[in-house]
Amino acid sequence: MAVSEIWGKHRNPSQDGILLEFMRKHPDMARNFTRGDRVAVSAAWADLAVKLNSVGPPIKNADEWRNVWKDWKLAIKKKITHNKRESKATGGGPFNQVALNPTEEEIAQLCHMFEAVDGVAGARTFGILLPNNEKENAVEEEAVEVNICGTTDKR
């Protein structure tokens, strides 16, 4: 008996469509940036739970559906992070990127996951920008020298 038969699925394809359509209409809830009336947000999740349960199984309460959405986003973000890590790999080994399906791609766009993983293009960084040779000198100044006795002295 497979694990999925014991535990069941988190959602079915009909529920995926309903959940995605709801999040398109409520992008702040999709990103969990809900300000203001918590009662209204909870009521919206409760209404969504009723709609999702009407095409179930699985049947869940509003908090469990919220966790399903959170877990789905986390799985997509892990794929994006894995792909970025693979694109920066130095070689030696097979190409190992994971493809996102169209639904996952849309969720990633909706929740701004690519910006979260890659950073915002053109954004300014904090700190003092040093030319390359000054960066190397700064690193050398902080280098630690180990002497024969095994103690360390900072330069």
C-alpha atoms as a PDB file:
ATOM      1  CA  MET A   1       0.000   0.000   0.000  1.00  0.00           C
ATOM      2  CA  ALA A   2       1.407   3.375  -1.045  1.00  0.00           C
ATOM      3  CA  VAL A   3       1.805   6.272   1.343  1.00  0.00           C
ATOM      4  CA  SER A   4      -0.635   8.382  -0.708  1.00  0.00           C
ATOM      5  CA  GLU A   5      -3.311   5.727  -0.193  1.00  0.00           C
ATOM      6  CA  ILE A   6      -2.837   5.877   3.586  1.00  0.00           C
ATOM      7  CA  TRP A   7      -2.622   9.651   3.999  1.00  0.00           C
ATOM      8  CA  GLY A   8      -4.712  10.718   1.029  1.00  0.00           C
ATOM      9  CA  LYS A   9      -4.148  13.718  -1.181  1.00  0.00           C
ATOM     10  CA  HIS A  10      -3.945  17.308  -0.044  1.00  0.00           C
ATOM     11  CA  ARG A  11      -6.281  18.481  -2.800  1.00  0.00           C
ATOM     12  CA  ASN A  12      -7.847  17.307  -6.050  1.00  0.00           C
ATOM     13  CA  PRO A  13      -7.603  19.025  -9.480  1.00  0.00           C
ATOM     14  CA  SER A  14     -11.031  20.690  -9.112  1.00  0.00           C
ATOM     15  CA  GLN A  15      -9.960  22.122  -5.780  1.00  0.00           C
ATOM     16  CA  ASP A  16      -6.711  23.336  -7.355  1.00  0.00           C
ATOM     17  CA  GLY A  17      -8.717  25.337  -9.883  1.00  0.00           C
ATOM     18  CA  ILE A  18     -11.027  26.843  -7.252  1.00  0.00           C
ATOM     19  CA  LEU A  19      -8.097  27.722  -4.982  1.00  0.00           C
ATOM     20  CA  LEU A  20      -6.137  29.326  -7.826  1.00  0.00           C
ATOM     21  CA  GLU A  21      -9.150  31.337  -9.039  1.00  0.00           C
ATOM     22  CA  PHE A  22      -9.777  32.601  -5.497  1.00  0.00           C
ATOM     23  CA  MET A  23      -6.143  33.666  -5.146  1.00  0.00           C
ATOM     24  CA  ARG A  24      -6.261  35.502  -8.489  1.00  0.00           C
ATOM     25  CA  LYS A  25      -9.154  37.559  -7.106  1.00  0.00           C
ATOM     26  CA  HIS A  26      -7.428  38.058  -3.736  1.00  0.00           C
ATOM     27  CA  PRO A  27      -3.687  38.528  -4.467  1.00  0.00           C
ATOM     28  CA  ASP A  28      -3.010  39.971  -1.001  1.00  0.00           C
ATOM     29  CA  MET A  29      -4.368  36.808   0.607  1.00  0.00           C
ATOM     30  CA  ALA A  30      -2.302  34.754  -1.836  1.00  0.00           C
ATOM     31  CA  ARG A  31       0.849  36.472  -0.561  1.00  0.00           C
ATOM     32  CA  ASN A  32      -0.409  36.510   3.047  1.00  0.00           C
ATOM     33  CA  PHE A  33      -0.257  40.325   3.105  1.00  0.00           C
ATOM     34  CA  THR A  34      -3.585  40.907   4.749  1.00  0.00           C
ATOM     35  CA  ARG A  35      -3.864  44.151   6.635  1.00  0.00           C
ATOM     36  CA  GLY A  36      -6.808  45.371   8.589  1.00  0.00           C
ATOM     37  CA  ASP A  37      -9.866  43.302   9.347  1.00  0.00           C
ATOM     38  CA  ARG A  38      -8.828  39.802  10.413  1.00  0.00           C
ATOM     39  CA  VAL A  39     -12.465  38.815  10.769  1.00  0.00           C
ATOM     40  CA  ALA A  40     -13.064  39.522   7.064  1.00  0.00           C
ATOM     41  CA  VAL A  41      -9.993  37.487   6.091  1.00  0.00           C
ATOM     42  CA  SER A  42     -11.111  34.579   8.264  1.00  0.00           C
ATOM     43  CA  ALA A  43     -14.590  34.790   6.752  1.00  0.00           C
ATOM     44  CA  ALA A  44     -13.096  34.726   3.245  1.00  0.00           C
ATOM     45  CA  TRP A  45     -11.085  31.596   4.116  1.00  0.00           C
ATOM     46  CA  ALA A  46     -14.227  30.009   5.588  1.00  0.00           C
ATOM     47  CA  ASP A  47     -16.189  30.756   2.370  1.00  0.00           C
ATOM     48  CA  LEU A  48     -13.344  29.318   0.318  1.00  0.00           C
ATOM     49  CA  ALA A  49     -13.303  26.198   2.502  1.00  0.00           C
ATOM     50  CA  VAL A  50     -17.010  25.657   1.818  1.00  0.00           C
ATOM     51  CA  LYS A  51     -16.426  25.937  -1.943  1.00  0.00           C
ATOM     52  CA  LEU A  52     -13.420  23.602  -1.820  1.00  0.00           C
ATOM     53  CA  ASN A  53     -15.208  21.041   0.334  1.00  0.00           C
ATOM     54  CA  SER A  54     -18.167  20.997  -2.053  1.00  0.00           C
ATOM     55  CA  VAL A  55     -15.964  19.342  -4.698  1.00  0.00           C
ATOM     56  CA  GLY A  56     -14.021  17.183  -2.207  1.00  0.00           C
ATOM     57  CA  PRO A  57     -12.702  14.797  -0.942  1.00  0.00           C
ATOM     58  CA  PRO A  58     -10.527  15.833   0.794  1.00  0.00           C
ATOM     59  CA  ILE A  59     -12.654  17.801   3.224  1.00  0.00           C
ATOM     60  CA  LYS A  60     -10.852  20.326   5.443  1.00  0.00           C
ATOM     61  CA  ASN A  61     -11.609  23.328   7.606  1.00  0.00           C
ATOM     62  CA  ALA A  62     -10.449  26.870   6.748  1.00  0.00           C
ATOM     63  CA  ASP A  63      -7.183  26.604   8.711  1.00  0.00           C
ATOM     64  CA  GLU A  64      -6.287  23.322   7.028  1.00  0.00           C
ATOM     65  CA  TRP A  65      -6.941  24.844   3.570  1.00  0.00           C
ATOM     66  CA  ARG A  66      -4.761  27.791   4.536  1.00  0.00           C
ATOM     67  CA  ASN A  67      -1.986  25.304   5.369  1.00  0.00           C
ATOM     68  CA  VAL A  68      -2.519  23.516   2.047  1.00  0.00           C
ATOM     69  CA  TRP A  69      -2.011  26.840   0.245  1.00  0.00           C
ATOM     70  CA  LYS A  70       1.070  27.628   2.349  1.00  0.00           C
ATOM     71  CA  ASP A  71       2.566  24.165   1.680  1.00  0.00           C
ATOM     72  CA  TRP A  72       1.874  24.463  -2.050  1.00  0.00           C
ATOM     73  CA  LYS A  73       3.656  27.832  -2.187  1.00  0.00           C
ATOM     74  CA  LEU A  74       6.567  26.428  -0.191  1.00  0.00           C
ATOM     75  CA  ALA A  75       6.975  23.497  -2.595  1.00  0.00           C
ATOM     76  CA  ILE A  76       7.027  25.894  -5.568  1.00  0.00           C
ATOM     77  CA  LYS A  77       9.544  28.184  -3.884  1.00  0.00           C
ATOM     78  CA  LYS A  78      11.789  25.186  -3.176  1.00  0.00           C
ATOM     79  CA  LYS A  79      11.703  24.277  -6.873  1.00  0.00           C
ATOM     80  CA  ILE A  80      12.609  27.836  -7.886  1.00  0.00           C
ATOM     81  CA  THR A  81      15.424  27.945  -5.332  1.00  0.00           C
ATOM     82  CA  HIS A  82      16.721  24.573  -6.535  1.00  0.00           C
ATOM     83  CA  ASN A  83      16.687  25.804 -10.138  1.00  0.00           C
ATOM     84  CA  LYS A  84      18.606  28.955  -9.219  1.00  0.00           C
ATOM     85  CA  ARG A  85      21.192  26.903  -7.324  1.00  0.00           C
ATOM     86  CA  GLU A  86      21.546  24.568 -10.303  1.00  0.00           C
ATOM     87  CA  SER A  87      21.973  27.472 -12.721  1.00  0.00           C
ATOM     88  CA  LYS A  88      24.879  28.761 -10.612  1.00  0.00           C
ATOM     89  CA  ALA A  89      26.527  25.333 -10.367  1.00  0.00           C
ATOM     90  CA  THR A  90      30.000  25.147 -11.809  1.00  0.00           C
ATOM     91  CA  GLY A  91      29.468  22.012 -13.839  1.00  0.00           C
ATOM     92  CA  GLY A  92      30.369  18.407 -13.404  1.00  0.00           C
ATOM     93  CA  GLY A  93      27.195  16.404 -13.381  1.00  0.00           C
ATOM     94  CA  PRO A  94      23.901  16.219 -15.182  1.00  0.00           C
ATOM     95  CA  PHE A  95      21.540  19.124 -15.758  1.00  0.00           C
ATOM     96  CA  ASN A  96      19.240  18.851 -12.765  1.00  0.00           C
ATOM     97  CA  GLN A  97      16.621  21.615 -12.933  1.00  0.00           C
ATOM     98  CA  VAL A  98      12.984  20.960 -12.081  1.00  0.00           C
ATOM     99  CA  ALA A  99      10.326  22.231 -14.483  1.00  0.00           C
ATOM    100  CA  LEU A 100       7.383  24.200 -13.140  1.00  0.00           C
ATOM    101  CA  ASN A 101       3.992  23.347 -14.586  1.00  0.00           C
ATOM    102  CA  PRO A 102       1.792  26.227 -15.823  1.00  0.00           C
ATOM    103  CA  THR A 103      -0.205  26.354 -12.579  1.00  0.00           C
ATOM    104  CA  GLU A 104       2.949  26.534 -10.467  1.00  0.00           C
ATOM    105  CA  GLU A 105       4.344  29.198 -12.805  1.00  0.00           C
ATOM    106  CA  GLU A 106       1.198  31.288 -12.333  1.00  0.00           C
ATOM    107  CA  ILE A 107       1.314  30.916  -8.544  1.00  0.00           C
ATOM    108  CA  ALA A 108       4.983  31.932  -8.559  1.00  0.00           C
ATOM    109  CA  GLN A 109       4.129  35.054 -10.583  1.00  0.00           C
ATOM    110  CA  LEU A 110       1.118  35.846  -8.403  1.00  0.00           C
ATOM    111  CA  CYS A 111       3.126  35.586  -5.186  1.00  0.00           C
ATOM    112  CA  HIS A 112       6.272  37.261  -6.590  1.00  0.00           C
ATOM    113  CA  MET A 113       8.388  34.201  -5.800  1.00  0.00           C
ATOM    114  CA  PHE A 114      10.917  34.840  -8.554  1.00  0.00           C
ATOM    115  CA  GLU A 115      11.734  38.225  -7.022  1.00  0.00           C
ATOM    116  CA  ALA A 116      11.969  36.627  -3.584  1.00  0.00           C
ATOM    117  CA  VAL A 117      14.508  34.078  -4.830  1.00  0.00           C
ATOM    118  CA  ASP A 118      16.436  36.120  -7.426  1.00  0.00           C
ATOM    119  CA  GLY A 119      16.145  39.524  -5.833  1.00  0.00           C
ATOM    120  CA  VAL A 120      14.549  42.601  -7.317  1.00  0.00           C
ATOM    121  CA  ALA A 121      16.231  43.690 -10.541  1.00  0.00           C
ATOM    122  CA  GLY A 122      17.822  47.119 -10.308  1.00  0.00           C
ATOM    123  CA  ALA A 123      17.441  47.345  -6.541  1.00  0.00           C
ATOM    124  CA  ARG A 124      20.069  49.240  -4.622  1.00  0.00           C
ATOM    125  CA  THR A 125      22.195  47.414  -2.100  1.00  0.00           C
ATOM    126  CA  PHE A 126      23.143  48.569   1.363  1.00  0.00           C
ATOM    127  CA  GLY A 127      26.662  49.240   2.503  1.00  0.00           C
ATOM    128  CA  ILE A 128      29.683  50.869   0.954  1.00  0.00           C
ATOM    129  CA  LEU A 129      30.546  49.806  -2.564  1.00  0.00           C
ATOM    130  CA  LEU A 130      34.273  49.203  -2.891  1.00  0.00           C
ATOM    131  CA  PRO A 131      36.270  48.717  -6.081  1.00  0.00           C
ATOM    132  CA  ASN A 132      37.545  45.154  -6.497  1.00  0.00           C
ATOM    133  CA  ASN A 133      41.111  45.847  -5.301  1.00  0.00           C
ATOM    134  CA  GLU A 134      39.848  47.533  -2.110  1.00  0.00           C
ATOM    135  CA  LYS A 135      37.592  44.534  -1.410  1.00  0.00           C
ATOM    136  CA  GLU A 136      40.591  42.202  -1.622  1.00  0.00           C
ATOM    137  CA  ASN A 137      42.607  44.431   0.731  1.00  0.00           C
ATOM    138  CA  ALA A 138      39.752  44.516   3.236  1.00  0.00           C
ATOM    139  CA  VAL A 139      39.579  40.717   3.223  1.00  0.00           C
ATOM    140  CA  GLU A 140      43.354  40.432   3.672  1.00  0.00           C
ATOM    141  CA  GLU A 141      43.296  42.822   6.639  1.00  0.00           C
ATOM    142  CA  GLU A 142      40.803  40.582   8.409  1.00  0.00           C
ATOM    143  CA  ALA A 143      42.769  37.422   7.701  1.00  0.00           C
ATOM    144  CA  VAL A 144      43.755  35.367  10.714  1.00  0.00           C
ATOM    145  CA  GLU A 145      47.306  34.125  11.035  1.00  0.00           C
ATOM    146  CA  VAL A 146      47.988  30.878  12.894  1.00  0.00           C
ATOM    147  CA  ASN A 147      51.426  30.727  14.506  1.00  0.00           C
ATOM    148  CA  ILE A 148      53.427  27.655  15.531  1.00  0.00           C
ATOM    149  CA  CYS A 149      51.951  27.479  19.057  1.00  0.00           C
ATOM    150  CA  GLY A 150      48.431  27.110  17.664  1.00  0.00           C
ATOM    151  CA  THR A 151      47.174  30.474  18.899  1.00  0.00           C
ATOM    152  CA  THR A 152      45.621  32.951  16.547  1.00  0.00           C
ATOM    153  CA  ASP A 153      46.635  36.559  16.070  1.00  0.00           C
ATOM    154  CA  LYS A 154      44.603  39.086  14.100  1.00  0.00           C
ATOM    155  CA  ARG A 155      46.540  41.408  11.888  1.00  0.00           C
END
